[in-house]
Amino acid sequence: MSTYPVTCPTCFEEFEVPLPPAGETPAEVDYDCEICCRPMIVVYEVDDNEVYASARGIHE
């Protein structure tokens, strides 16, 4: 399984999230930070058949 680093918008710590297959993107998933356990949204995008992720706060 491939992973991608994201930075928590609350505690600013970086951790890895699993990537979905390219055919399942774009997508937004509710995710709890693996460091501080605060909720966030992980956004999955695809560019040139490469999947990447970013994180944003739930109220952004």
C-alpha atoms as a PDB file:
ATOM      1  CA  MET A   1       0.000   0.000   0.000  1.00  0.00           C
ATOM      2  CA  SER A   2       1.313   3.425  -0.945  1.00  0.00           C
ATOM      3  CA  THR A   3       1.318   6.284   1.560  1.00  0.00           C
ATOM      4  CA  TYR A   4       1.748  10.043   1.347  1.00  0.00           C
ATOM      5  CA  PRO A   5       2.857  12.523   4.022  1.00  0.00           C
ATOM      6  CA  VAL A   6       0.373  15.138   5.244  1.00  0.00           C
ATOM      7  CA  THR A   7       0.675  17.806   7.920  1.00  0.00           C
ATOM      8  CA  CYS A   8      -2.021  18.137  10.561  1.00  0.00           C
ATOM      9  CA  PRO A   9      -3.643  21.592  10.382  1.00  0.00           C
ATOM     10  CA  THR A  10      -4.015  21.619  14.196  1.00  0.00           C
ATOM     11  CA  CYS A  11      -0.735  20.333  15.672  1.00  0.00           C
ATOM     12  CA  PHE A  12       1.385  20.763  12.505  1.00  0.00           C
ATOM     13  CA  GLU A  13       2.927  17.300  12.882  1.00  0.00           C
ATOM     14  CA  GLU A  14       3.551  15.253   9.750  1.00  0.00           C
ATOM     15  CA  PHE A  15       2.404  11.646   9.330  1.00  0.00           C
ATOM     16  CA  GLU A  16       1.609   9.254   6.472  1.00  0.00           C
ATOM     17  CA  VAL A  17      -1.858   8.468   5.135  1.00  0.00           C
ATOM     18  CA  PRO A  18      -2.720   5.539   2.837  1.00  0.00           C
ATOM     19  CA  LEU A  19      -3.444   6.457  -0.780  1.00  0.00           C
ATOM     20  CA  PRO A  20      -6.501   5.171  -2.645  1.00  0.00           C
ATOM     21  CA  PRO A  21      -6.235   3.876  -6.216  1.00  0.00           C
ATOM     22  CA  ALA A  22      -6.142   6.631  -8.857  1.00  0.00           C
ATOM     23  CA  GLY A  23      -9.591   5.561 -10.083  1.00  0.00           C
ATOM     24  CA  GLU A  24     -11.118   6.507  -6.715  1.00  0.00           C
ATOM     25  CA  THR A  25      -9.910  10.110  -6.807  1.00  0.00           C
ATOM     26  CA  PRO A  26     -10.622  12.945  -6.369  1.00  0.00           C
ATOM     27  CA  ALA A  27     -11.978  12.299  -2.894  1.00  0.00           C
ATOM     28  CA  GLU A  28     -12.289  13.882   0.536  1.00  0.00           C
ATOM     29  CA  VAL A  29     -12.159  11.725   3.660  1.00  0.00           C
ATOM     30  CA  ASP A  30     -12.741  12.526   7.339  1.00  0.00           C
ATOM     31  CA  TYR A  31      -9.553  11.559   9.170  1.00  0.00           C
ATOM     32  CA  ASP A  32      -8.296  11.923  12.740  1.00  0.00           C
ATOM     33  CA  CYS A  33      -4.716  13.088  13.212  1.00  0.00           C
ATOM     34  CA  GLU A  34      -2.503  10.194  14.247  1.00  0.00           C
ATOM     35  CA  ILE A  35      -0.618  12.497  16.646  1.00  0.00           C
ATOM     36  CA  CYS A  36      -3.206  14.777  18.353  1.00  0.00           C
ATOM     37  CA  CYS A  37      -6.411  12.891  17.335  1.00  0.00           C
ATOM     38  CA  ARG A  38      -8.125  16.075  16.124  1.00  0.00           C
ATOM     39  CA  PRO A  39     -10.451  15.705  13.129  1.00  0.00           C
ATOM     40  CA  MET A  40      -9.456  16.960   9.692  1.00  0.00           C
ATOM     41  CA  ILE A  41     -10.249  16.398   6.044  1.00  0.00           C
ATOM     42  CA  VAL A  42      -7.737  14.563   3.858  1.00  0.00           C
ATOM     43  CA  VAL A  43      -8.115  15.562   0.224  1.00  0.00           C
ATOM     44  CA  TYR A  44      -6.923  13.088  -2.411  1.00  0.00           C
ATOM     45  CA  GLU A  45      -6.140  14.365  -5.911  1.00  0.00           C
ATOM     46  CA  VAL A  46      -4.584  12.786  -8.983  1.00  0.00           C
ATOM     47  CA  ASP A  47      -2.184  14.460 -11.411  1.00  0.00           C
ATOM     48  CA  ASP A  48      -0.559  12.600 -14.326  1.00  0.00           C
ATOM     49  CA  ASN A  49      -1.852   9.327 -12.811  1.00  0.00           C
ATOM     50  CA  GLU A  50       0.003  10.074  -9.533  1.00  0.00           C
ATOM     51  CA  VAL A  51      -2.164  10.269  -6.419  1.00  0.00           C
ATOM     52  CA  TYR A  52      -1.278  12.762  -3.714  1.00  0.00           C
ATOM     53  CA  ALA A  53      -2.903  13.965  -0.500  1.00  0.00           C
ATOM     54  CA  SER A  54      -3.249  17.134   1.525  1.00  0.00           C
ATOM     55  CA  ALA A  55      -4.966  17.923   4.811  1.00  0.00           C
ATOM     56  CA  ARG A  56      -7.192  20.798   5.869  1.00  0.00           C
ATOM     57  CA  GLY A  57      -9.200  21.658   8.942  1.00  0.00           C
ATOM     58  CA  ILE A  58     -12.812  20.561   9.081  1.00  0.00           C
ATOM     59  CA  HIS A  59     -14.015  24.183   9.129  1.00  0.00           C
ATOM     60  CA  GLU A  60     -11.876  25.481   6.249  1.00  0.00           C
END
